Protein backbone atom coordinates (compact mmCIF):
# COMPACT_ATOMS: atom_id res chain seq x y z
CA MET A 1 -13.82 -44.59 64.84
CA SER A 2 -10.76 -44.02 62.67
CA GLU A 3 -7.29 -44.15 64.20
CA THR A 4 -5.69 -42.39 61.22
CA ASN A 5 -5.61 -38.94 62.81
CA LYS A 6 -5.04 -39.99 66.42
CA ASP A 7 -3.18 -37.40 68.53
CA GLN A 8 -3.93 -34.65 66.03
CA ILE A 9 -6.20 -31.70 66.73
CA ALA A 10 -8.77 -30.13 64.46
CA VAL A 11 -10.28 -26.77 65.44
CA VAL A 12 -13.66 -25.69 64.07
CA THR A 13 -15.01 -22.20 64.66
CA GLY A 14 -18.73 -21.76 65.25
CA ALA A 15 -19.08 -25.47 65.90
CA SER A 16 -21.86 -25.61 68.47
CA ARG A 17 -24.62 -26.22 65.92
CA GLY A 18 -25.48 -26.50 62.25
CA ILE A 19 -22.74 -26.92 59.66
CA GLY A 20 -20.01 -26.35 62.25
CA ALA A 21 -21.31 -29.10 64.51
CA ALA A 22 -21.60 -31.50 61.57
CA ILE A 23 -18.02 -30.74 60.54
CA ALA A 24 -16.78 -31.25 64.10
CA SER A 25 -18.62 -34.56 64.41
CA ARG A 26 -17.27 -35.83 61.10
CA LEU A 27 -13.67 -34.85 61.91
CA ALA A 28 -14.01 -36.55 65.30
CA ALA A 29 -15.28 -39.69 63.55
CA ASP A 30 -12.17 -39.48 61.37
CA GLY A 31 -10.02 -39.65 64.48
CA PHE A 32 -9.19 -36.03 65.25
CA THR A 33 -9.49 -34.55 68.70
CA VAL A 34 -11.77 -31.59 67.93
CA GLY A 35 -11.73 -28.16 69.52
CA ILE A 36 -15.33 -26.91 69.43
CA HIS A 37 -15.30 -23.11 69.34
CA TYR A 38 -18.51 -21.27 70.18
CA GLY A 39 -19.53 -17.67 70.72
CA ARG A 40 -22.52 -17.67 73.06
CA ASP A 41 -24.44 -20.93 73.40
CA THR A 42 -22.61 -22.98 76.02
CA ASP A 43 -25.37 -25.58 76.20
CA ALA A 44 -25.25 -26.23 72.45
CA ALA A 45 -21.45 -26.52 72.51
CA ASP A 46 -21.57 -28.93 75.44
CA ALA A 47 -24.23 -30.98 73.62
CA THR A 48 -22.00 -31.21 70.54
CA VAL A 49 -19.08 -32.38 72.66
CA ALA A 50 -21.29 -34.93 74.42
CA ALA A 51 -22.60 -36.30 71.12
CA ILE A 52 -19.05 -36.72 69.82
CA GLU A 53 -17.95 -38.46 73.01
CA ASP A 54 -21.02 -40.71 72.99
CA ALA A 55 -19.98 -41.81 69.49
CA GLY A 56 -16.49 -42.67 70.75
CA GLY A 57 -14.72 -39.49 69.66
CA LYS A 58 -12.77 -36.82 71.51
CA ALA A 59 -13.69 -33.14 71.74
CA PHE A 60 -13.61 -30.14 74.01
CA ALA A 61 -15.36 -26.76 73.87
CA PHE A 62 -13.97 -23.25 74.23
CA ARG A 63 -15.55 -19.82 73.97
CA ALA A 64 -14.40 -16.64 72.23
CA ASP A 65 -16.25 -13.58 70.94
CA LEU A 66 -15.19 -13.21 67.31
CA ALA A 67 -16.61 -9.69 67.11
CA ALA A 68 -14.15 -8.41 69.71
CA GLY A 69 -11.12 -6.40 68.71
CA THR A 70 -8.89 -8.96 70.40
CA ALA A 71 -10.77 -11.93 68.93
CA ALA A 72 -7.75 -13.90 67.71
CA GLU A 73 -5.75 -13.49 70.90
CA ASP A 74 -8.80 -14.37 73.01
CA PHE A 75 -9.56 -17.31 70.73
CA TRP A 76 -6.20 -19.00 71.15
CA ALA A 77 -5.92 -18.18 74.85
CA SER A 78 -9.32 -19.81 75.41
CA PHE A 79 -8.27 -22.76 73.25
CA ASP A 80 -5.09 -23.28 75.24
CA LYS A 81 -6.95 -23.23 78.55
CA ALA A 82 -9.59 -25.68 77.35
CA ALA A 83 -7.03 -27.97 75.71
CA ALA A 84 -5.04 -28.11 78.95
CA GLY A 85 -8.20 -28.97 80.85
CA ALA A 86 -8.93 -31.73 78.35
CA GLY A 87 -5.40 -33.10 78.66
CA VAL A 88 -4.50 -32.64 74.99
CA ILE A 89 -1.64 -30.14 75.29
CA GLY A 90 1.22 -31.25 73.09
CA GLN A 91 -0.93 -32.79 70.38
CA SER A 92 -0.34 -31.40 66.91
CA LEU A 93 -2.74 -28.85 65.41
CA LYS A 94 -3.44 -30.35 61.99
CA VAL A 95 -6.69 -28.78 60.80
CA LEU A 96 -8.28 -25.35 61.19
CA VAL A 97 -11.80 -24.83 59.84
CA ASN A 98 -13.05 -21.23 59.73
CA ASN A 99 -16.79 -21.83 59.79
CA ALA A 100 -18.19 -19.14 62.10
CA GLY A 101 -20.05 -16.33 60.40
CA VAL A 102 -23.07 -14.06 60.58
CA THR A 103 -25.59 -13.35 57.82
CA LEU A 104 -27.16 -9.91 58.11
CA ARG A 105 -29.84 -8.97 55.61
CA GLY A 106 -30.32 -5.73 53.74
CA ALA A 107 -29.90 -4.19 50.29
CA ILE A 108 -27.04 -1.72 49.91
CA GLU A 109 -29.38 1.24 50.37
CA ASP A 110 -30.66 -0.13 53.67
CA PHE A 111 -27.59 -1.78 55.17
CA SER A 112 -26.22 0.27 58.05
CA ARG A 113 -22.56 1.06 58.55
CA GLU A 114 -22.71 -0.51 62.00
CA ASP A 115 -24.09 -3.80 60.68
CA PHE A 116 -21.56 -3.85 57.85
CA LEU A 117 -18.63 -3.39 60.22
CA ALA A 118 -20.01 -5.96 62.70
CA GLN A 119 -20.43 -8.55 59.96
CA GLN A 120 -16.98 -7.76 58.56
CA ALA A 121 -15.42 -8.26 61.99
CA VAL A 122 -16.75 -11.81 62.36
CA ASN A 123 -16.68 -12.99 58.75
CA VAL A 124 -13.39 -11.49 57.56
CA ASN A 125 -11.27 -9.97 60.32
CA ALA A 126 -11.60 -12.89 62.73
CA PRO A 127 -10.59 -15.64 60.24
CA TYR A 128 -7.66 -13.55 59.02
CA PHE A 129 -6.20 -12.98 62.47
CA ILE A 130 -7.09 -16.43 63.80
CA VAL A 131 -5.08 -17.92 60.93
CA LYS A 132 -2.24 -15.45 61.49
CA GLU A 133 -1.98 -16.47 65.15
CA ALA A 134 -2.37 -20.15 64.24
CA LEU A 135 0.54 -20.38 61.82
CA PRO A 136 3.25 -21.07 64.44
CA ARG A 137 1.02 -23.81 65.89
CA LEU A 138 -0.13 -25.42 62.66
CA ALA A 139 1.82 -28.50 61.62
CA ASP A 140 3.59 -28.59 58.29
CA GLY A 141 1.33 -30.57 55.98
CA GLY A 142 -1.69 -29.18 57.81
CA ARG A 143 -5.04 -28.10 56.45
CA ILE A 144 -6.98 -24.84 56.50
CA VAL A 145 -10.57 -24.93 55.28
CA ASN A 146 -12.60 -21.73 55.05
CA ILE A 147 -16.38 -21.81 54.73
CA SER A 148 -17.40 -19.49 51.93
CA SER A 149 -20.84 -19.34 50.29
CA GLY A 150 -22.61 -19.89 47.00
CA VAL A 151 -23.60 -16.21 47.11
CA THR A 152 -20.21 -15.37 45.59
CA ARG A 153 -21.52 -17.04 42.40
CA ILE A 154 -25.28 -16.48 42.68
CA ALA A 155 -26.52 -12.91 43.19
CA PHE A 156 -28.71 -12.20 46.22
CA PRO A 157 -28.93 -8.39 46.56
CA GLU A 158 -30.69 -8.71 49.93
CA ILE A 159 -27.49 -10.08 51.50
CA ILE A 160 -24.99 -7.99 49.58
CA GLY A 161 -22.82 -7.29 52.62
CA TYR A 162 -22.57 -10.99 53.42
CA ALA A 163 -21.65 -11.76 49.81
CA LEU A 164 -18.84 -9.21 49.97
CA THR A 165 -17.37 -10.86 53.07
CA LYS A 166 -17.45 -14.29 51.45
CA GLY A 167 -15.80 -12.95 48.32
CA ALA A 168 -13.01 -11.75 50.58
CA ILE A 169 -12.72 -15.26 52.04
CA ASP A 170 -12.32 -16.72 48.55
CA ALA A 171 -9.51 -14.26 47.76
CA PHE A 172 -7.88 -14.94 51.14
CA THR A 173 -8.01 -18.68 50.46
CA LEU A 174 -6.31 -18.40 47.08
CA THR A 175 -3.52 -16.13 48.26
CA LEU A 176 -2.89 -17.96 51.53
CA ALA A 177 -2.59 -21.25 49.63
CA LYS A 178 0.26 -19.81 47.60
CA HIS A 179 1.95 -18.44 50.72
CA LEU A 180 1.73 -21.68 52.73
CA GLY A 181 2.46 -24.10 49.92
CA PRO A 182 6.16 -24.39 50.82
CA ARG A 183 5.09 -25.80 54.20
CA GLY A 184 2.85 -28.38 52.58
CA ILE A 185 -0.21 -26.72 54.12
CA THR A 186 -3.28 -26.78 51.89
CA VAL A 187 -5.82 -23.97 52.01
CA ASN A 188 -9.25 -24.38 50.46
CA ALA A 189 -12.74 -22.97 50.75
CA VAL A 190 -16.12 -24.70 50.64
CA ALA A 191 -19.12 -22.74 49.36
CA PRO A 192 -22.50 -24.10 50.52
CA GLY A 193 -25.86 -23.13 49.10
CA VAL A 194 -29.07 -23.32 51.11
CA VAL A 195 -28.58 -25.79 53.96
CA ASP A 196 -31.18 -26.93 56.48
CA THR A 197 -29.75 -25.31 59.62
CA ASP A 198 -31.13 -23.15 62.41
CA ILE A 199 -30.10 -20.00 60.55
CA ASN A 200 -32.56 -20.87 57.76
CA ALA A 201 -35.22 -22.43 59.96
CA SER A 202 -37.51 -19.38 60.11
CA TRP A 203 -38.23 -19.39 56.37
CA LEU A 204 -37.38 -22.96 55.35
CA ARG A 205 -38.48 -25.54 57.92
CA GLY A 206 -42.14 -26.42 57.67
CA ASN A 207 -42.50 -24.26 54.55
CA GLN A 208 -43.11 -26.70 51.73
CA ASP A 209 -43.23 -23.98 49.09
CA ALA A 210 -39.75 -22.79 50.16
CA ILE A 211 -38.43 -26.34 50.26
CA ASP A 212 -39.85 -27.04 46.79
CA GLY A 213 -38.41 -23.79 45.44
CA VAL A 214 -34.93 -24.50 46.75
CA SER A 215 -35.06 -28.10 45.56
CA ALA A 216 -36.14 -27.05 42.08
CA SER A 217 -33.18 -24.66 41.80
CA THR A 218 -30.61 -27.40 42.48
CA ALA A 219 -29.38 -29.94 39.97
CA LEU A 220 -29.59 -32.64 42.66
CA GLY A 221 -33.17 -31.74 43.53
CA ARG A 222 -33.12 -31.28 47.29
CA VAL A 223 -32.15 -28.97 50.15
CA GLY A 224 -28.60 -29.36 51.43
CA GLN A 225 -27.89 -30.95 54.80
CA PRO A 226 -25.04 -30.07 57.20
CA GLU A 227 -23.52 -33.52 56.66
CA ASP A 228 -23.21 -32.78 52.92
CA ILE A 229 -20.85 -29.92 53.70
CA ALA A 230 -19.03 -31.85 56.43
CA SER A 231 -18.15 -34.63 54.00
CA ILE A 232 -16.43 -32.17 51.64
CA VAL A 233 -14.51 -30.56 54.49
CA ALA A 234 -13.46 -34.02 55.71
CA PHE A 235 -12.05 -34.86 52.28
CA LEU A 236 -10.06 -31.61 52.14
CA ALA A 237 -8.80 -32.23 55.69
CA SER A 238 -7.70 -35.78 54.89
CA ASP A 239 -4.58 -37.14 53.27
CA ASP A 240 -6.69 -37.79 50.18
CA GLY A 241 -7.00 -34.01 49.78
CA ARG A 242 -3.27 -33.40 49.82
CA TRP A 243 -3.05 -32.30 46.15
CA VAL A 244 -5.91 -29.80 46.29
CA THR A 245 -5.14 -26.25 47.36
CA GLY A 246 -6.22 -22.71 46.57
CA GLN A 247 -9.67 -23.89 45.49
CA THR A 248 -13.21 -22.86 46.32
CA VAL A 249 -15.35 -25.99 46.11
CA ASP A 250 -18.94 -25.31 45.07
CA ALA A 251 -21.11 -27.18 47.57
CA THR A 252 -24.52 -25.92 46.45
CA GLY A 253 -25.81 -29.19 44.97
CA GLY A 254 -25.65 -27.52 41.57
CA THR A 255 -27.79 -24.50 42.40
CA ASN A 256 -28.65 -22.24 39.46
CA LEU A 257 -26.49 -24.12 36.95
């Protein structure tokens, strides 16, 4: 367990499972105390915290509904309460990872207004306002990492609404990096391709044809794993990533090159 980031907090949204949990575990291994945000699944969040603690790290969980109109205010109020309970009040907030998101399917002709607005609320509005409320807390020299998607480069008409939200995240990343540069805060995005997580389980896991198809489309010849994405986030969150900002890092394994 690294001591490099001792007494510094990293917050990861949507961290109870999948990519978010892998990011949280990696940042904890790198010495951060990690705030595990979750939306609904308390058991999964508690399991992520327990796994981090079993490995010698520090973490605590807190809940907030990112679809709510007061998502950012609720988010940080819940964080403060959980941090106090975990005895980490006063530690510096060094890293914020905006990972939480929803993927709703449908071509433009079929995608309802209600679904579009619900997806926009979680994928775009929540990160924007969570960052806005975080800025007085975030240490100079801190890190913001936004999870984007390879769908901003590779066209998938069946998730057009999702692609639009991730394009917004890329633009947000670039502009925010310019704004926060004077404080030494880096802002970057990471764009995964297909990753073996619960969100893809219904069509990927146990489906060898799907696995072979995804693997064949990547230069590196396999399906991505959550730890692949976590490693990139960890680099951007580290001191080694200090001279990288305003970038969207393609983390698709070379899909559709």
